[in-house]
C-alpha atoms as a PDB file:
ATOM      1  CA  MET A   1      27.764  26.682   5.121  1.00  0.00           C
ATOM      2  CA  THR A   2      25.574  24.361   7.210  1.00  0.00           C
ATOM      3  CA  LYS A   3      22.133  25.223   8.417  1.00  0.00           C
ATOM      4  CA  LYS A   4      20.678  24.335  11.791  1.00  0.00           C
ATOM      5  CA  SER A   5      18.277  21.926  10.084  1.00  0.00           C
ATOM      6  CA  ASP A   6      21.256  20.053   8.574  1.00  0.00           C
ATOM      7  CA  PHE A   7      22.779  19.752  12.047  1.00  0.00           C
ATOM      8  CA  ASP A   8      19.465  18.541  13.535  1.00  0.00           C
ATOM      9  CA  PHE A   9      19.149  15.955  10.787  1.00  0.00           C
ATOM     10  CA  GLY A  10      22.692  14.728  11.389  1.00  0.00           C
ATOM     11  CA  GLU A  11      22.091  14.344  15.121  1.00  0.00           C
ATOM     12  CA  ALA A  12      18.801  12.533  14.498  1.00  0.00           C
ATOM     13  CA  LEU A  13      20.503  10.190  12.046  1.00  0.00           C
ATOM     14  CA  ILE A  14      23.267   9.358  14.510  1.00  0.00           C
ATOM     15  CA  GLU A  15      20.707   8.744  17.256  1.00  0.00           C
ATOM     16  CA  SER A  16      18.713   6.463  14.940  1.00  0.00           C
ATOM     17  CA  LEU A  17      21.798   4.437  14.052  1.00  0.00           C
ATOM     18  CA  LYS A  18      22.623   4.009  17.746  1.00  0.00           C
ATOM     19  CA  GLU A  19      19.077   2.756  18.301  1.00  0.00           C
ATOM     20  CA  VAL A  20      19.394   0.276  15.429  1.00  0.00           C
ATOM     21  CA  ARG A  21      22.676  -1.020  16.820  1.00  0.00           C
ATOM     22  CA  ALA A  22      21.149  -1.470  20.283  1.00  0.00           C
ATOM     23  CA  TRP A  23      18.185  -3.311  18.744  1.00  0.00           C
ATOM     24  CA  LYS A  24      20.493  -5.611  16.740  1.00  0.00           C
ATOM     25  CA  ARG A  25      22.369  -6.461  19.946  1.00  0.00           C
ATOM     26  CA  GLY A  26      19.091  -7.275  21.694  1.00  0.00           C
ATOM     27  CA  GLU A  27      19.484  -4.427  24.162  1.00  0.00           C
ATOM     28  CA  ILE A  28      16.160  -2.790  23.322  1.00  0.00           C
ATOM     29  CA  ALA A  29      12.867  -3.756  21.739  1.00  0.00           C
ATOM     30  CA  LEU A  30      11.434  -1.459  19.113  1.00  0.00           C
ATOM     31  CA  GLU A  31       7.744  -0.715  18.762  1.00  0.00           C
ATOM     32  CA  THR A  32       6.243  -2.547  15.820  1.00  0.00           C
ATOM     33  CA  VAL A  33       2.987  -2.238  13.968  1.00  0.00           C
ATOM     34  CA  ASN A  34       1.637  -5.306  12.223  1.00  0.00           C
ATOM     35  CA  ILE A  35      -0.521  -4.497   9.238  1.00  0.00           C
ATOM     36  CA  ASP A  36      -2.923  -7.278   8.467  1.00  0.00           C
ATOM     37  CA  PRO A  37      -2.524  -8.081   4.775  1.00  0.00           C
ATOM     38  CA  MET A  38      -5.714  -8.250   2.805  1.00  0.00           C
ATOM     39  CA  PRO A  39      -6.561 -11.926   2.219  1.00  0.00           C
ATOM     40  CA  VAL A  40      -6.716 -13.092  -1.393  1.00  0.00           C
ATOM     41  CA  GLU A  41     -10.324 -14.181  -0.830  1.00  0.00           C
ATOM     42  CA  ARG A  42     -11.312 -10.601   0.003  1.00  0.00           C
ATOM     43  CA  ILE A  43      -9.458  -9.220  -3.022  1.00  0.00           C
ATOM     44  CA  ARG A  44     -11.216 -11.734  -5.275  1.00  0.00           C
ATOM     45  CA  ALA A  45     -14.608 -10.947  -3.680  1.00  0.00           C
ATOM     46  CA  ILE A  46     -14.133  -7.204  -4.246  1.00  0.00           C
ATOM     47  CA  ARG A  47     -13.134  -7.777  -7.873  1.00  0.00           C
ATOM     48  CA  LYS A  48     -16.078 -10.130  -8.506  1.00  0.00           C
ATOM     49  CA  LYS A  49     -18.476  -7.683  -6.857  1.00  0.00           C
ATOM     50  CA  VAL A  50     -17.608  -4.924  -9.340  1.00  0.00           C
ATOM     51  CA  ALA A  51     -16.263  -6.700 -12.453  1.00  0.00           C
ATOM     52  CA  ARG A  52     -16.570 -10.069 -14.185  1.00  0.00           C
ATOM     53  CA  SER A  53     -12.857 -10.291 -14.960  1.00  0.00           C
ATOM     54  CA  ALA A  54      -9.525  -8.750 -14.082  1.00  0.00           C
ATOM     55  CA  LYS A  55      -9.496  -7.110 -17.524  1.00  0.00           C
ATOM     56  CA  GLN A  56     -12.871  -5.465 -16.897  1.00  0.00           C
ATOM     57  CA  PHE A  57     -11.617  -4.359 -13.460  1.00  0.00           C
ATOM     58  CA  GLU A  58      -8.634  -2.749 -15.196  1.00  0.00           C
ATOM     59  CA  GLN A  59     -10.912  -0.903 -17.634  1.00  0.00           C
ATOM     60  CA  LYS A  60     -13.090   0.404 -14.799  1.00  0.00           C
ATOM     61  CA  PHE A  61     -10.471   1.345 -12.226  1.00  0.00           C
ATOM     62  CA  GLY A  62      -7.106   1.532 -13.997  1.00  0.00           C
ATOM     63  CA  ILE A  63      -5.372  -1.157 -11.950  1.00  0.00           C
ATOM     64  CA  PRO A  64      -3.575  -3.485 -14.387  1.00  0.00           C
ATOM     65  CA  ALA A  65      -5.190  -6.906 -14.803  1.00  0.00           C
ATOM     66  CA  SER A  66      -1.796  -8.528 -14.137  1.00  0.00           C
ATOM     67  CA  THR A  67      -1.630  -6.769 -10.758  1.00  0.00           C
ATOM     68  CA  ILE A  68      -5.117  -7.955  -9.802  1.00  0.00           C
ATOM     69  CA  ASN A  69      -4.242 -11.492 -10.912  1.00  0.00           C
ATOM     70  CA  ASN A  70      -1.029 -11.433  -8.854  1.00  0.00           C
ATOM     71  CA  TRP A  71      -2.952 -10.216  -5.796  1.00  0.00           C
ATOM     72  CA  GLU A  72      -5.740 -12.773  -6.235  1.00  0.00           C
ATOM     73  CA  GLN A  73      -3.297 -15.641  -6.690  1.00  0.00           C
ATOM     74  CA  GLY A  74      -1.176 -14.604  -3.716  1.00  0.00           C
ATOM     75  CA  ARG A  75       1.987 -14.025  -5.735  1.00  0.00           C
ATOM     76  CA  ARG A  76       2.102 -10.469  -4.437  1.00  0.00           C
ATOM     77  CA  LYS A  77       0.356  -8.582  -1.672  1.00  0.00           C
ATOM     78  CA  PRO A  78      -1.128  -5.143  -2.208  1.00  0.00           C
ATOM     79  CA  ASP A  79       0.871  -2.359  -0.578  1.00  0.00           C
ATOM     80  CA  PRO A  80      -0.935  -0.025   1.857  1.00  0.00           C
ATOM     81  CA  ALA A  81      -2.093   2.269  -0.969  1.00  0.00           C
ATOM     82  CA  GLY A  82      -3.384  -0.712  -2.950  1.00  0.00           C
ATOM     83  CA  ARG A  83      -5.280  -2.048   0.079  1.00  0.00           C
ATOM     84  CA  LEU A  84      -6.818   1.358   0.667  1.00  0.00           C
ATOM     85  CA  LEU A  85      -7.870   1.651  -2.972  1.00  0.00           C
ATOM     86  CA  LEU A  86      -9.459  -1.804  -2.851  1.00  0.00           C
ATOM     87  CA  LYS A  87     -11.378  -0.812   0.293  1.00  0.00           C
ATOM     88  CA  VAL A  88     -12.627   2.364  -1.399  1.00  0.00           C
ATOM     89  CA  ILE A  89     -13.608   0.409  -4.516  1.00  0.00           C
ATOM     90  CA  ASP A  90     -15.504  -2.020  -2.284  1.00  0.00           C
ATOM     91  CA  ALA A  91     -17.346   0.818  -0.533  1.00  0.00           C
ATOM     92  CA  ALA A  92     -17.960   3.180  -3.479  1.00  0.00           C
ATOM     93  CA  PRO A  93     -17.046   1.618  -6.833  1.00  0.00           C
ATOM     94  CA  GLU A  94     -19.008   4.134  -8.879  1.00  0.00           C
ATOM     95  CA  ILE A  95     -17.037   7.069  -7.469  1.00  0.00           C
ATOM     96  CA  VAL A  96     -13.655   5.419  -8.085  1.00  0.00           C
ATOM     97  CA  GLU A  97     -14.687   4.439 -11.610  1.00  0.00           C
ATOM     98  CA  LYS A  98     -15.844   7.988 -12.345  1.00  0.00           C
ATOM     99  CA  VAL A  99     -12.570   9.491 -11.096  1.00  0.00           C
ATOM    100  CA  ALA A 100     -10.398   6.830 -12.749  1.00  0.00           C
ATOM    101  CA  ASN A 101     -11.980   7.437 -16.143  1.00  0.00           C
ATOM    102  CA  ARG A 102     -12.040  11.235 -15.940  1.00  0.00           C
ATOM    103  CA  PRO A 103      -9.746  12.890 -18.499  1.00  0.00           C
ATOM    104  CA  SER A 104      -6.640  14.480 -16.995  1.00  0.00           C
ATOM    105  CA  SER A 105      -6.700  18.241 -16.890  1.00  0.00           C
END
């Protein structure tokens, strides 16, 4: 037994695949959004502002030191959630530290 929502999903999926095919053929241009990656200099500046080392940053905010090191050295880029967290840490480090170190309930 199929529901109307299953049918709607199927039609939407088929329509999406047709759009992808047309894009691949160069028949249409798709809207894109470019997200400016956070530069390694900014990541390093945020970390230095709130912690002396990546290990201390990990203790304060729960982000593994290896992740911070990878971001700072440009081996990896923070995903959107990571960039947002870094921005919040930059703006209000004491709040993030308080929440990060609160015992789970």
